[in-house]
Amino acid sequence: MFRHENFTLRFTDRFNLFMISVKISHTCRKFPFFLFRYIKNCDIL
């Protein structure tokens, strides 16, 4: 069984990763779908 706290942490982590991907995608002008392929090129993380 999943605890409410664990679910919340997972949801917030995914949401934070999504927001970071959106910011990086806007900065690098890349789609969030290709984020992990261009992280090294962006030199942000």
PDB file of N, CA and C in Angstrom:
ATOM      1  N   MET A   1       0.832  -1.200   0.000  1.00  0.00           N
ATOM      2  CA  MET A   1       0.000   0.000   0.000  1.00  0.00           C
ATOM      3  C   MET A   1       0.872   1.259   0.000  1.00  0.00           C
ATOM      4  N   PHE A   2       0.426   2.242  -0.766  1.00  0.00           N
ATOM      5  CA  PHE A   2       1.188   3.492  -0.847  1.00  0.00           C
ATOM      6  C   PHE A   2       0.724   4.464   0.239  1.00  0.00           C
ATOM      7  N   ARG A   3       1.670   5.121   0.844  1.00  0.00           N
ATOM      8  CA  ARG A   3       1.312   6.137   1.831  1.00  0.00           C
ATOM      9  C   ARG A   3       1.057   7.462   1.136  1.00  0.00           C
ATOM     10  N   HIS A   4       0.209   8.259   1.742  1.00  0.00           N
ATOM     11  CA  HIS A   4      -0.109   9.560   1.133  1.00  0.00           C
ATOM     12  C   HIS A   4       1.142  10.422   1.014  1.00  0.00           C
ATOM     13  N   GLU A   5       2.009  10.349   2.005  1.00  0.00           N
ATOM     14  CA  GLU A   5       3.224  11.172   1.983  1.00  0.00           C
ATOM     15  C   GLU A   5       4.135  10.742   0.835  1.00  0.00           C
ATOM     16  N   ASN A   6       4.304   9.438   0.661  1.00  0.00           N
ATOM     17  CA  ASN A   6       5.159   8.951  -0.415  1.00  0.00           C
ATOM     18  C   ASN A   6       4.601   9.371  -1.770  1.00  0.00           C
ATOM     19  N   PHE A   7       3.299   9.255  -1.926  1.00  0.00           N
ATOM     20  CA  PHE A   7       2.682   9.646  -3.189  1.00  0.00           C
ATOM     21  C   PHE A   7       2.889  11.139  -3.443  1.00  0.00           C
ATOM     22  N   THR A   8       2.733  11.945  -2.384  1.00  0.00           N
ATOM     23  CA  THR A   8       2.910  13.391  -2.534  1.00  0.00           C
ATOM     24  C   THR A   8       4.350  13.708  -2.922  1.00  0.00           C
ATOM     25  N   LEU A   9       5.302  13.057  -2.287  1.00  0.00           N
ATOM     26  CA  LEU A   9       6.707  13.316  -2.605  1.00  0.00           C
ATOM     27  C   LEU A   9       6.996  12.938  -4.049  1.00  0.00           C
ATOM     28  N   ARG A  10       6.487  11.806  -4.463  1.00  0.00           N
ATOM     29  CA  ARG A  10       6.723  11.397  -5.851  1.00  0.00           C
ATOM     30  C   ARG A  10       6.084  12.381  -6.821  1.00  0.00           C
ATOM     31  N   PHE A  11       4.867  12.820  -6.509  1.00  0.00           N
ATOM     32  CA  PHE A  11       4.179  13.762  -7.397  1.00  0.00           C
ATOM     33  C   PHE A  11       4.947  15.082  -7.474  1.00  0.00           C
ATOM     34  N   THR A  12       5.402  15.583  -6.315  1.00  0.00           N
ATOM     35  CA  THR A  12       6.119  16.858  -6.303  1.00  0.00           C
ATOM     36  C   THR A  12       7.442  16.716  -7.039  1.00  0.00           C
ATOM     37  N   ASP A  13       8.117  15.580  -6.882  1.00  0.00           N
ATOM     38  CA  ASP A  13       9.384  15.368  -7.580  1.00  0.00           C
ATOM     39  C   ASP A  13       9.158  15.385  -9.087  1.00  0.00           C
ATOM     40  N   ARG A  14       8.140  14.688  -9.520  1.00  0.00           N
ATOM     41  CA  ARG A  14       7.857  14.664 -10.964  1.00  0.00           C
ATOM     42  C   ARG A  14       7.473  16.052 -11.462  1.00  0.00           C
ATOM     43  N   PHE A  15       6.685  16.765 -10.665  1.00  0.00           N
ATOM     44  CA  PHE A  15       6.276  18.116 -11.068  1.00  0.00           C
ATOM     45  C   PHE A  15       7.489  19.039 -11.142  1.00  0.00           C
ATOM     46  N   ASN A  16       8.387  18.939 -10.149  1.00  0.00           N
ATOM     47  CA  ASN A  16       9.594  19.770 -10.159  1.00  0.00           C
ATOM     48  C   ASN A  16      10.461  19.432 -11.369  1.00  0.00           C
ATOM     49  N   LEU A  17      10.609  18.165 -11.674  1.00  0.00           N
ATOM     50  CA  LEU A  17      11.394  17.761 -12.839  1.00  0.00           C
ATOM     51  C   LEU A  17      10.757  18.304 -14.117  1.00  0.00           C
ATOM     52  N   PHE A  18       9.418  18.294 -14.163  1.00  0.00           N
ATOM     53  CA  PHE A  18       8.728  18.828 -15.337  1.00  0.00           C
ATOM     54  C   PHE A  18       8.985  20.323 -15.480  1.00  0.00           C
ATOM     55  N   MET A  19       8.887  21.057 -14.375  1.00  0.00           N
ATOM     56  CA  MET A  19       9.116  22.500 -14.429  1.00  0.00           C
ATOM     57  C   MET A  19      10.559  22.796 -14.833  1.00  0.00           C
ATOM     58  N   ILE A  20      11.503  22.040 -14.290  1.00  0.00           N
ATOM     59  CA  ILE A  20      12.914  22.244 -14.654  1.00  0.00           C
ATOM     60  C   ILE A  20      13.109  21.935 -16.132  1.00  0.00           C
ATOM     61  N   SER A  21      12.469  20.878 -16.618  1.00  0.00           N
ATOM     62  CA  SER A  21      12.607  20.523 -18.028  1.00  0.00           C
ATOM     63  C   SER A  21      12.027  21.623 -18.917  1.00  0.00           C
ATOM     64  N   VAL A  22      10.919  22.222 -18.464  1.00  0.00           N
ATOM     65  CA  VAL A  22      10.316  23.305 -19.246  1.00  0.00           C
ATOM     66  C   VAL A  22      11.254  24.510 -19.282  1.00  0.00           C
ATOM     67  N   LYS A  23      11.838  24.853 -18.128  1.00  0.00           N
ATOM     68  CA  LYS A  23      12.765  25.991 -18.095  1.00  0.00           C
ATOM     69  C   LYS A  23      13.966  25.734 -18.986  1.00  0.00           C
ATOM     70  N   ILE A  24      14.528  24.537 -18.903  1.00  0.00           N
ATOM     71  CA  ILE A  24      15.704  24.214 -19.717  1.00  0.00           C
ATOM     72  C   ILE A  24      15.321  24.177 -21.188  1.00  0.00           C
ATOM     73  N   SER A  25      14.131  23.658 -21.476  1.00  0.00           N
ATOM     74  CA  SER A  25      13.701  23.589 -22.870  1.00  0.00           C
ATOM     75  C   SER A  25      13.554  24.992 -23.443  1.00  0.00           C
ATOM     76  N   HIS A  26      13.042  25.919 -22.648  1.00  0.00           N
ATOM     77  CA  HIS A  26      12.919  27.295 -23.126  1.00  0.00           C
ATOM     78  C   HIS A  26      14.296  27.932 -23.283  1.00  0.00           C
ATOM     79  N   THR A  27      15.203  27.608 -22.367  1.00  0.00           N
ATOM     80  CA  THR A  27      16.539  28.201 -22.427  1.00  0.00           C
ATOM     81  C   THR A  27      17.316  27.652 -23.620  1.00  0.00           C
ATOM     82  N   CYS A  28      17.250  26.360 -23.812  1.00  0.00           N
ATOM     83  CA  CYS A  28      18.004  25.724 -24.894  1.00  0.00           C
ATOM     84  C   CYS A  28      17.196  25.657 -26.184  1.00  0.00           C
ATOM     85  N   ARG A  29      15.938  26.056 -26.093  1.00  0.00           N
ATOM     86  CA  ARG A  29      15.038  25.983 -27.252  1.00  0.00           C
ATOM     87  C   ARG A  29      14.922  24.550 -27.757  1.00  0.00           C
ATOM     88  N   LYS A  30      14.764  23.636 -26.793  1.00  0.00           N
ATOM     89  CA  LYS A  30      14.562  22.226 -27.133  1.00  0.00           C
ATOM     90  C   LYS A  30      13.260  21.760 -26.500  1.00  0.00           C
ATOM     91  N   PHE A  31      12.675  20.709 -27.048  1.00  0.00           N
ATOM     92  CA  PHE A  31      11.451  20.176 -26.479  1.00  0.00           C
ATOM     93  C   PHE A  31      11.778  19.387 -25.217  1.00  0.00           C
ATOM     94  N   PRO A  32      10.877  19.439 -24.191  1.00  0.00           N
ATOM     95  CA  PRO A  32      11.111  18.687 -22.951  1.00  0.00           C
ATOM     96  C   PRO A  32      11.320  17.203 -23.220  1.00  0.00           C
ATOM     97  N   PHE A  33      10.744  16.691 -24.295  1.00  0.00           N
ATOM     98  CA  PHE A  33      10.889  15.265 -24.603  1.00  0.00           C
ATOM     99  C   PHE A  33      12.352  14.919 -24.879  1.00  0.00           C
ATOM    100  N   PHE A  34      13.105  15.865 -25.445  1.00  0.00           N
ATOM    101  CA  PHE A  34      14.508  15.621 -25.752  1.00  0.00           C
ATOM    102  C   PHE A  34      15.431  16.224 -24.700  1.00  0.00           C
ATOM    103  N   LEU A  35      14.844  16.549 -23.537  1.00  0.00           N
ATOM    104  CA  LEU A  35      15.614  17.219 -22.489  1.00  0.00           C
ATOM    105  C   LEU A  35      16.848  16.424 -22.091  1.00  0.00           C
ATOM    106  N   PHE A  36      16.640  15.164 -21.731  1.00  0.00           N
ATOM    107  CA  PHE A  36      17.737  14.371 -21.183  1.00  0.00           C
ATOM    108  C   PHE A  36      18.844  14.159 -22.212  1.00  0.00           C
ATOM    109  N   ARG A  37      18.569  14.342 -23.479  1.00  0.00           N
ATOM    110  CA  ARG A  37      19.609  14.169 -24.500  1.00  0.00           C
ATOM    111  C   ARG A  37      20.464  15.422 -24.626  1.00  0.00           C
ATOM    112  N   TYR A  38      19.920  16.572 -24.231  1.00  0.00           N
ATOM    113  CA  TYR A  38      20.632  17.839 -24.420  1.00  0.00           C
ATOM    114  C   TYR A  38      21.032  18.509 -23.114  1.00  0.00           C
ATOM    115  N   ILE A  39      20.945  17.751 -21.995  1.00  0.00           N
ATOM    116  CA  ILE A  39      21.320  18.355 -20.708  1.00  0.00           C
ATOM    117  C   ILE A  39      22.787  18.764 -20.732  1.00  0.00           C
ATOM    118  N   LYS A  40      23.656  17.915 -21.253  1.00  0.00           N
ATOM    119  CA  LYS A  40      25.087  18.224 -21.282  1.00  0.00           C
ATOM    120  C   LYS A  40      25.355  19.437 -22.165  1.00  0.00           C
ATOM    121  N   ASN A  41      24.601  19.568 -23.250  1.00  0.00           N
ATOM    122  CA  ASN A  41      24.803  20.715 -24.140  1.00  0.00           C
ATOM    123  C   ASN A  41      24.360  22.015 -23.479  1.00  0.00           C
ATOM    124  N   CYS A  42      23.357  21.928 -22.620  1.00  0.00           N
ATOM    125  CA  CYS A  42      22.848  23.138 -21.975  1.00  0.00           C
ATOM    126  C   CYS A  42      23.771  23.591 -20.847  1.00  0.00           C
ATOM    127  N   ASP A  43      24.449  22.635 -20.192  1.00  0.00           N
ATOM    128  CA  ASP A  43      25.359  22.971 -19.089  1.00  0.00           C
ATOM    129  C   ASP A  43      24.632  23.714 -17.982  1.00  0.00           C
ATOM    130  N   ILE A  44      23.348  23.376 -17.744  1.00  0.00           N
ATOM    131  CA  ILE A  44      22.593  24.023 -16.668  1.00  0.00           C
ATOM    132  C   ILE A  44      22.584  23.133 -15.435  1.00  0.00           C
ATOM    133  N   LEU A  45      22.339  21.833 -15.611  1.00  0.00           N
ATOM    134  CA  LEU A  45      22.300  20.923 -14.459  1.00  0.00           C
ATOM    135  C   LEU A  45      23.716  20.427 -14.171  1.00  0.00           C
TER     136      LEU A  45
END
